[in-house]
Every structure is written in structure tokens, then in C-alpha cells.
Amino acid sequence: MSSQIRSIDNLHGPAGRLEALLNSGRADAPYAALVCHPHPAGGGTMHNKVVYHAMKACSSFGLPVLRFNFRGVGLSEGEHDHGHGEQDDVRAALNWLEQKFGRPILFAGFSFGSVVGLRACCGDARVKGLIGLGLPVHAAGRDYKYGFLPRCTAPKLFLSGDHDPFGPHDALTAVWERAPEPKRLVWIEGADHFFQGTAESPGAKLGRMQAEIRWWLHDTFGLIESAQSH
């Protein structure tokens, strides 16, 4: 049976109800997955293209995948809290997944969602794998710090475009080097922050990003893609 998408009405964080969507997975799926969206100030929501493609990559293995809007975004209650209260939103989503499925969890986040999610998930024994997409170092006047990374002992995949102005090669490599093994850093050639193409390499690179996620999930966790995922 192919994955079905449905709205979730009972996900609540400290600031109130969080608007959410669940892609159902196989009944025997070994993991559940959580995907977090980019900064609301830039129009980030759970419907962002990068978030959607990350969800599809996880869903291709038959995993149930939860996406939600951070507080103050879309129909989610509360107000934007500059990445502080949003960590509690992530924890609320982890709790919901644990109660619903009782399985280990894989996390993926894009940009702001990757920073907030990594902060909340690092050191959480329920989270067995971490994916940071377009991990920002400096964006829109905001500096992002990663002093928490040394406690991220679960397997990690960092994926960024090699033309991402918010995570330049040297700066992001320095961040990655602070993280303990096992870890993998992949640069998508000709891609910007949103995994779109550049003038020299036009065309979206979302398919390449998605393929790298799928390869890592298979290689690291032994996941096998569902027959109906293609």
C-alpha cells in the first residue's frame, strides 16, 4: 500500500497546537522520521521543497514521516521564538512519534530547521540518525553556533550546496570537524542554499540531494526501498 498523507490534530507543544502532516509508512517500518522546515522569516514552512524532498526520501523506505510547522507558522499556535521555543516544538514532535509508533527516530532538518532540530535531538537516545541540510553558519544577520555538536554521537549526514552563501566551504567544514564520528559531509555540485542550480550549472539539484539521503539511509541503517516508492 502506498504512503498516505493525513493531517495530525493532536500534536501540541508548549505554545499550543502545532499544524502537522504525517506520511503513513509500512506497519513493519523499523524507524519513524521527523523533518523540520527552514526559517519562517524567509517563508519557511513544512511545505518547503527541500523539506518535501527529504520527506520523500525517508518515505521511499516505507517509514512514517512527520512534518510540522513551528510555532507561529501557518496554523500553528504561538509566536516565533528565534530558535529557542522551537526546540521544545521539536521535542513535542519526538514525543508524539514515540507515543504513536514506539520506534527509533531519524531526524532531518533544512537550514534553520536543521540547527533547531540538531540542538533538540543531539543526545536524545530515541534519535538514531541526524541529517542536516543546508546547515547555516551565518544567514540574514544571524550567526549560528554549534558548540553542542560534540555530544551528537549518532550517525550524521550533512548535505550542502557548494555555492551555499550561508554555509561557505571552510566555515561549514570547520563545524563538521567538531562533530564526532560517524559522520559524512557531502557537497552538491552547482547547488545553492535551496539546492537550486547556479548560473554555471542551471537546474534544480533536489534529486541529487534526495539520492544522497537515500544512499546514506541504506548504507548506514540497512534500509531497503519499498517496491512502490518509485
Protein backbone atom coordinates (compact mmCIF):
# COMPACT_ATOMS: atom_id res chain seq x y z
CA MET A 1 0.00 0.00 0.00
CA SER A 2 1.43 3.39 -0.95
CA SER A 3 2.04 6.08 1.66
CA GLN A 4 -0.95 8.22 2.61
CA ILE A 5 -0.72 11.82 3.85
CA ARG A 6 -3.03 12.98 6.62
CA SER A 7 -3.33 15.97 8.92
CA ILE A 8 -2.45 15.50 12.58
CA ASP A 9 -4.70 17.26 15.07
CA ASN A 10 -3.22 16.15 18.38
CA LEU A 11 0.36 17.45 18.22
CA HIS A 12 0.77 20.11 20.92
CA GLY A 13 3.86 21.96 22.09
CA PRO A 14 4.26 24.38 25.00
CA ALA A 15 2.92 27.23 22.81
CA GLY A 16 -0.17 25.31 21.70
CA ARG A 17 -1.26 23.16 18.79
CA LEU A 18 1.26 22.54 16.02
CA GLU A 19 -0.04 22.10 12.48
CA ALA A 20 1.35 18.81 11.17
CA LEU A 21 1.21 16.25 8.38
CA LEU A 22 2.03 12.56 8.61
CA ASN A 23 3.03 10.34 5.74
CA SER A 24 1.96 6.90 6.84
CA GLY A 25 4.52 4.15 6.47
CA ARG A 26 4.61 0.38 6.44
CA ALA A 27 3.32 -1.36 9.54
CA ASP A 28 6.71 -3.07 9.90
CA ALA A 29 8.85 0.04 9.33
CA PRO A 30 11.93 -0.14 11.61
CA TYR A 31 12.11 3.64 12.15
CA ALA A 32 9.93 6.74 12.17
CA ALA A 33 11.20 10.05 10.77
CA LEU A 34 10.86 13.74 11.58
CA VAL A 35 11.61 16.57 9.12
CA CYS A 36 11.87 20.27 10.13
CA HIS A 37 11.46 23.34 7.96
CA PRO A 38 13.61 26.47 7.33
CA HIS A 39 13.31 29.95 8.87
CA PRO A 40 9.80 31.45 8.93
CA ALA A 41 11.21 34.91 8.14
CA GLY A 42 12.18 33.56 4.72
CA GLY A 43 8.78 31.94 4.18
CA GLY A 44 9.82 28.57 5.59
CA THR A 45 7.03 26.05 6.20
CA MET A 46 6.61 22.29 6.20
CA HIS A 47 5.69 22.58 2.51
CA ASN A 48 9.18 23.83 1.54
CA LYS A 49 10.61 21.96 -1.47
CA VAL A 50 13.72 20.76 0.36
CA VAL A 51 11.61 19.52 3.28
CA TYR A 52 9.26 17.78 0.86
CA HIS A 53 12.11 16.02 -0.96
CA ALA A 54 13.68 14.94 2.34
CA MET A 55 10.31 13.55 3.41
CA LYS A 56 10.02 11.64 0.12
CA ALA A 57 13.48 10.17 0.61
CA CYS A 58 12.50 8.79 4.03
CA SER A 59 9.08 7.72 2.79
CA SER A 60 10.68 5.73 -0.03
CA PHE A 61 11.78 3.20 2.61
CA GLY A 62 8.25 2.88 3.96
CA LEU A 63 8.97 4.95 7.06
CA PRO A 64 6.23 7.05 8.65
CA VAL A 65 7.35 10.70 8.32
CA LEU A 66 6.10 13.63 10.39
CA ARG A 67 6.38 17.26 9.24
CA PHE A 68 5.06 20.18 11.23
CA ASN A 69 5.01 23.97 11.25
CA PHE A 70 6.96 25.62 14.04
CA ARG A 71 5.05 27.87 16.47
CA GLY A 72 3.56 30.92 14.78
CA VAL A 73 3.83 29.40 11.28
CA GLY A 74 0.74 28.55 9.24
CA LEU A 75 -1.96 27.28 11.60
CA SER A 76 0.47 26.52 14.44
CA GLU A 77 -0.27 28.46 17.60
CA GLY A 78 2.18 30.68 19.45
CA GLU A 79 4.79 33.14 18.23
CA HIS A 80 8.21 32.76 16.63
CA ASP A 81 10.86 32.41 19.37
CA HIS A 82 14.10 32.80 17.42
CA GLY A 83 15.06 29.14 17.72
CA HIS A 84 14.60 28.77 21.47
CA GLY A 85 11.00 27.66 21.96
CA GLU A 86 11.20 25.91 18.60
CA GLN A 87 13.46 23.32 20.23
CA ASP A 88 10.56 22.46 22.51
CA ASP A 89 8.38 22.10 19.40
CA VAL A 90 10.85 19.52 18.09
CA ARG A 91 10.77 17.67 21.42
CA ALA A 92 6.97 17.67 21.31
CA ALA A 93 7.15 16.10 17.84
CA LEU A 94 9.62 13.47 19.05
CA ASN A 95 7.29 12.65 21.95
CA TRP A 96 4.35 12.34 19.54
CA LEU A 97 6.27 9.97 17.28
CA GLU A 98 7.39 7.89 20.24
CA GLN A 99 3.86 7.57 21.57
CA LYS A 100 2.38 6.86 18.14
CA PHE A 101 4.92 4.37 16.80
CA GLY A 102 7.26 3.34 19.62
CA ARG A 103 10.20 3.07 17.21
CA PRO A 104 13.61 4.70 16.99
CA ILE A 105 13.56 8.02 15.15
CA LEU A 106 15.56 9.52 12.28
CA PHE A 107 15.76 13.31 12.06
CA ALA A 108 16.24 15.60 9.07
CA GLY A 109 16.10 19.39 9.01
CA PHE A 110 16.73 22.12 6.48
CA SER A 111 18.59 25.35 7.31
CA PHE A 112 17.01 26.88 10.48
CA GLY A 113 15.20 23.57 10.95
CA SER A 114 18.49 21.70 10.93
CA VAL A 115 20.02 23.89 13.63
CA VAL A 116 16.95 23.80 15.89
CA GLY A 117 16.42 20.09 15.31
CA LEU A 118 20.04 19.12 15.89
CA ARG A 119 20.07 21.09 19.15
CA ALA A 120 16.95 19.28 20.34
CA CYS A 121 17.87 15.82 19.04
CA CYS A 122 21.57 15.59 19.88
CA GLY A 123 21.96 13.36 22.90
CA ASP A 124 18.37 12.12 22.74
CA ALA A 125 18.63 8.32 22.87
CA ARG A 126 15.47 7.96 20.77
CA VAL A 127 17.12 9.63 17.75
CA LYS A 128 19.40 7.21 15.90
CA GLY A 129 20.34 9.30 12.87
CA LEU A 130 20.66 13.02 12.07
CA ILE A 131 20.56 14.80 8.70
CA GLY A 132 21.46 18.48 8.38
CA LEU A 133 20.53 20.01 5.01
CA GLY A 134 21.92 23.43 4.11
CA LEU A 135 23.35 23.83 7.60
CA PRO A 136 23.79 27.60 8.04
CA VAL A 137 26.78 29.29 9.67
CA HIS A 138 25.75 32.90 9.02
CA ALA A 139 22.44 33.91 7.42
CA ALA A 140 20.37 37.11 7.31
CA GLY A 141 22.42 38.73 10.06
CA ARG A 142 22.17 35.66 12.32
CA ASP A 143 25.19 33.69 13.46
CA TYR A 144 24.61 30.01 14.21
CA LYS A 145 26.76 28.29 16.81
CA TYR A 146 27.38 24.56 17.07
CA GLY A 147 29.01 24.09 20.44
CA PHE A 148 26.54 21.27 21.11
CA LEU A 149 27.81 19.09 18.25
CA PRO A 150 30.38 17.09 20.27
CA ARG A 151 27.50 15.35 22.08
CA CYS A 152 25.94 14.28 18.75
CA THR A 153 27.21 10.71 18.77
CA ALA A 154 24.52 9.24 16.48
CA PRO A 155 25.39 8.89 12.75
CA LYS A 156 25.24 12.25 10.97
CA LEU A 157 24.87 13.35 7.35
CA PHE A 158 25.49 16.98 6.40
CA LEU A 159 24.43 17.93 2.86
CA SER A 160 25.01 21.38 1.38
CA GLY A 161 25.31 23.06 -1.99
CA ASP A 162 28.84 24.03 -2.92
CA HIS A 163 27.50 27.52 -3.76
CA ASP A 164 25.61 27.98 -0.47
CA PRO A 165 26.42 31.52 0.74
CA PHE A 166 25.10 30.75 4.26
CA GLY A 167 27.45 27.81 4.77
CA PRO A 168 30.73 28.50 2.94
CA HIS A 169 33.02 25.53 2.43
CA ASP A 170 35.67 26.37 5.02
CA ALA A 171 33.21 27.54 7.69
CA LEU A 172 30.93 24.51 7.37
CA THR A 173 33.87 22.11 7.20
CA ALA A 174 35.10 23.56 10.50
CA VAL A 175 31.65 22.92 12.02
CA TRP A 176 31.60 19.37 10.67
CA GLU A 177 35.06 18.64 12.08
CA ARG A 178 33.74 19.35 15.60
CA ALA A 179 31.21 16.54 15.32
CA PRO A 180 32.21 13.05 16.44
CA GLU A 181 32.18 10.04 14.15
CA PRO A 182 30.25 8.52 12.48
CA LYS A 183 29.64 11.43 10.13
CA ARG A 184 29.53 12.29 6.45
CA LEU A 185 29.73 15.67 4.70
CA VAL A 186 28.54 15.90 1.07
CA TRP A 187 28.74 18.92 -1.20
CA ILE A 188 26.19 19.03 -4.01
CA GLU A 189 27.98 20.46 -7.02
CA GLY A 190 26.39 23.50 -8.65
CA ALA A 191 23.76 23.92 -5.91
CA ASP A 192 22.86 26.95 -3.82
CA HIS A 193 21.38 27.01 -0.31
CA PHE A 194 17.99 25.76 -1.56
CA PHE A 195 19.58 23.05 -3.73
CA GLN A 196 18.68 25.01 -6.83
CA GLY A 197 21.17 25.46 -9.65
CA THR A 198 23.60 28.26 -10.33
CA ALA A 199 24.18 30.30 -13.49
CA GLU A 200 27.04 27.97 -14.41
CA SER A 201 25.04 24.84 -13.51
CA PRO A 202 21.33 25.58 -14.06
CA GLY A 203 18.54 23.28 -12.96
CA ALA A 204 17.41 22.12 -9.54
CA LYS A 205 19.69 19.73 -7.63
CA LEU A 206 16.96 18.39 -5.35
CA GLY A 207 17.09 14.98 -7.00
CA ARG A 208 20.80 14.68 -6.24
CA MET A 209 20.19 15.76 -2.65
CA GLN A 210 17.42 13.18 -2.31
CA ALA A 211 19.61 10.45 -3.80
CA GLU A 212 22.37 11.19 -1.27
CA ILE A 213 19.88 10.92 1.59
CA ARG A 214 18.58 7.60 0.28
CA TRP A 215 22.10 6.22 -0.19
CA TRP A 216 23.10 7.23 3.35
CA LEU A 217 19.96 5.75 4.91
CA HIS A 218 20.56 2.49 3.07
CA ASP A 219 24.29 2.38 3.81
CA THR A 220 24.02 3.42 7.48
CA PHE A 221 20.81 1.70 8.59
CA GLY A 222 20.41 -1.05 6.01
CA LEU A 223 17.05 0.29 4.86
CA ILE A 224 15.58 -1.14 1.68
CA GLU A 225 13.40 1.00 -0.57
CA SER A 226 9.78 -0.05 -0.93
CA ALA A 227 8.80 -1.54 -4.28
CA GLN A 228 6.12 1.14 -4.80
CA SER A 229 8.36 4.08 -3.91
CA HIS A 230 9.40 4.77 -7.49
